[in-house]
Amino acid sequence: MTPLESILQERGIKKTWLAKKVGVSNGTMTRLCSGESKPTIDVALKIARVLGTSIEELWGHLIDERTLD
């Protein structure tokens, strides 16, 4: 389960509601939640703001820490 899916489940938020709030299709939101797709920075910011969290909390696990040195 991805961090985005976990947060939605913990808070009882439906993917369809979040998709509408951030202006993406339900299919796009499903792919973002499953990790099949990665969001644009614009969509990532909108999702983080709507959920009151950070992009790092939602997608930080995708960063390869070794490349940051």
C-alpha atoms as a PDB file:
ATOM      1  CA  MET A   1       0.000   0.000   0.000  1.00  0.00           C
ATOM      2  CA  THR A   2       1.356   3.423  -0.917  1.00  0.00           C
ATOM      3  CA  PRO A   3       1.503   6.293   1.584  1.00  0.00           C
ATOM      4  CA  LEU A   4      -1.246   8.077  -0.365  1.00  0.00           C
ATOM      5  CA  GLU A   5      -3.520   5.028  -0.167  1.00  0.00           C
ATOM      6  CA  SER A   6      -2.776   4.667   3.551  1.00  0.00           C
ATOM      7  CA  ILE A   7      -3.672   8.272   4.306  1.00  0.00           C
ATOM      8  CA  LEU A   8      -6.907   8.061   2.338  1.00  0.00           C
ATOM      9  CA  GLN A   9      -7.862   4.833   4.094  1.00  0.00           C
ATOM     10  CA  GLU A  10      -6.968   6.161   7.566  1.00  0.00           C
ATOM     11  CA  ARG A  11      -9.041   9.297   7.020  1.00  0.00           C
ATOM     12  CA  GLY A  12     -11.931   7.627   5.235  1.00  0.00           C
ATOM     13  CA  ILE A  13     -11.425   9.755   2.118  1.00  0.00           C
ATOM     14  CA  LYS A  14     -12.607   8.436  -1.232  1.00  0.00           C
ATOM     15  CA  LYS A  15     -10.322   8.601  -4.254  1.00  0.00           C
ATOM     16  CA  THR A  16     -13.172  10.055  -6.301  1.00  0.00           C
ATOM     17  CA  TRP A  17     -13.558  12.965  -3.874  1.00  0.00           C
ATOM     18  CA  LEU A  18      -9.834  13.702  -3.913  1.00  0.00           C
ATOM     19  CA  ALA A  19      -9.724  13.457  -7.715  1.00  0.00           C
ATOM     20  CA  LYS A  20     -12.475  16.052  -7.991  1.00  0.00           C
ATOM     21  CA  LYS A  21     -10.807  18.367  -5.445  1.00  0.00           C
ATOM     22  CA  VAL A  22      -7.475  18.378  -7.296  1.00  0.00           C
ATOM     23  CA  GLY A  23      -8.912  18.335 -10.821  1.00  0.00           C
ATOM     24  CA  VAL A  24      -7.820  14.955 -12.156  1.00  0.00           C
ATOM     25  CA  SER A  25      -9.810  12.032 -13.509  1.00  0.00           C
ATOM     26  CA  ASN A  26     -10.801   9.113 -11.307  1.00  0.00           C
ATOM     27  CA  GLY A  27      -8.550   6.877 -13.397  1.00  0.00           C
ATOM     28  CA  THR A  28      -5.572   9.155 -12.853  1.00  0.00           C
ATOM     29  CA  MET A  29      -6.209   9.205  -9.107  1.00  0.00           C
ATOM     30  CA  THR A  30      -6.452   5.407  -9.041  1.00  0.00           C
ATOM     31  CA  ARG A  31      -3.069   5.151 -10.804  1.00  0.00           C
ATOM     32  CA  LEU A  32      -1.518   7.717  -8.427  1.00  0.00           C
ATOM     33  CA  CYS A  33      -2.849   5.851  -5.393  1.00  0.00           C
ATOM     34  CA  SER A  34      -1.571   2.499  -6.600  1.00  0.00           C
ATOM     35  CA  GLY A  35       1.844   3.896  -7.486  1.00  0.00           C
ATOM     36  CA  GLU A  36       1.369   3.003 -11.145  1.00  0.00           C
ATOM     37  CA  SER A  37       1.817   6.698 -12.055  1.00  0.00           C
ATOM     38  CA  LYS A  38       3.741   9.563 -10.526  1.00  0.00           C
ATOM     39  CA  PRO A  39       2.092  12.982 -10.210  1.00  0.00           C
ATOM     40  CA  THR A  40       3.209  16.206 -11.799  1.00  0.00           C
ATOM     41  CA  ILE A  41       4.563  18.683  -9.257  1.00  0.00           C
ATOM     42  CA  ASP A  42       1.355  20.700  -9.623  1.00  0.00           C
ATOM     43  CA  VAL A  43      -0.872  17.724  -8.837  1.00  0.00           C
ATOM     44  CA  ALA A  44       1.410  16.575  -6.014  1.00  0.00           C
ATOM     45  CA  LEU A  45       1.203  20.015  -4.396  1.00  0.00           C
ATOM     46  CA  LYS A  46      -2.584  20.098  -4.720  1.00  0.00           C
ATOM     47  CA  ILE A  47      -2.968  16.639  -3.188  1.00  0.00           C
ATOM     48  CA  ALA A  48      -0.608  17.481  -0.325  1.00  0.00           C
ATOM     49  CA  ARG A  49      -2.451  20.735   0.387  1.00  0.00           C
ATOM     50  CA  VAL A  50      -5.891  19.131   0.312  1.00  0.00           C
ATOM     51  CA  LEU A  51      -4.697  16.390   2.674  1.00  0.00           C
ATOM     52  CA  GLY A  52      -2.760  18.805   4.905  1.00  0.00           C
ATOM     53  CA  THR A  53       0.476  16.901   4.472  1.00  0.00           C
ATOM     54  CA  SER A  54       3.739  17.171   2.556  1.00  0.00           C
ATOM     55  CA  ILE A  55       4.857  15.880  -0.812  1.00  0.00           C
ATOM     56  CA  GLU A  56       7.693  14.122   1.005  1.00  0.00           C
ATOM     57  CA  GLU A  57       5.249  12.216   3.197  1.00  0.00           C
ATOM     58  CA  LEU A  58       3.292  11.114   0.132  1.00  0.00           C
ATOM     59  CA  TRP A  59       6.097  10.403  -2.347  1.00  0.00           C
ATOM     60  CA  GLY A  60       9.385  10.748  -0.442  1.00  0.00           C
ATOM     61  CA  HIS A  61       9.844   6.978  -0.540  1.00  0.00           C
ATOM     62  CA  LEU A  62      10.467   7.318  -4.293  1.00  0.00           C
ATOM     63  CA  ILE A  63      13.612   9.403  -3.795  1.00  0.00           C
ATOM     64  CA  ASP A  64      16.844   7.468  -4.032  1.00  0.00           C
ATOM     65  CA  GLU A  65      18.750   8.880  -1.059  1.00  0.00           C
ATOM     66  CA  ARG A  66      22.070   7.867  -2.608  1.00  0.00           C
ATOM     67  CA  THR A  67      21.602  10.469  -5.345  1.00  0.00           C
ATOM     68  CA  LEU A  68      21.323  13.301  -2.823  1.00  0.00           C
ATOM     69  CA  ASP A  69      24.950  13.135  -1.625  1.00  0.00           C
END
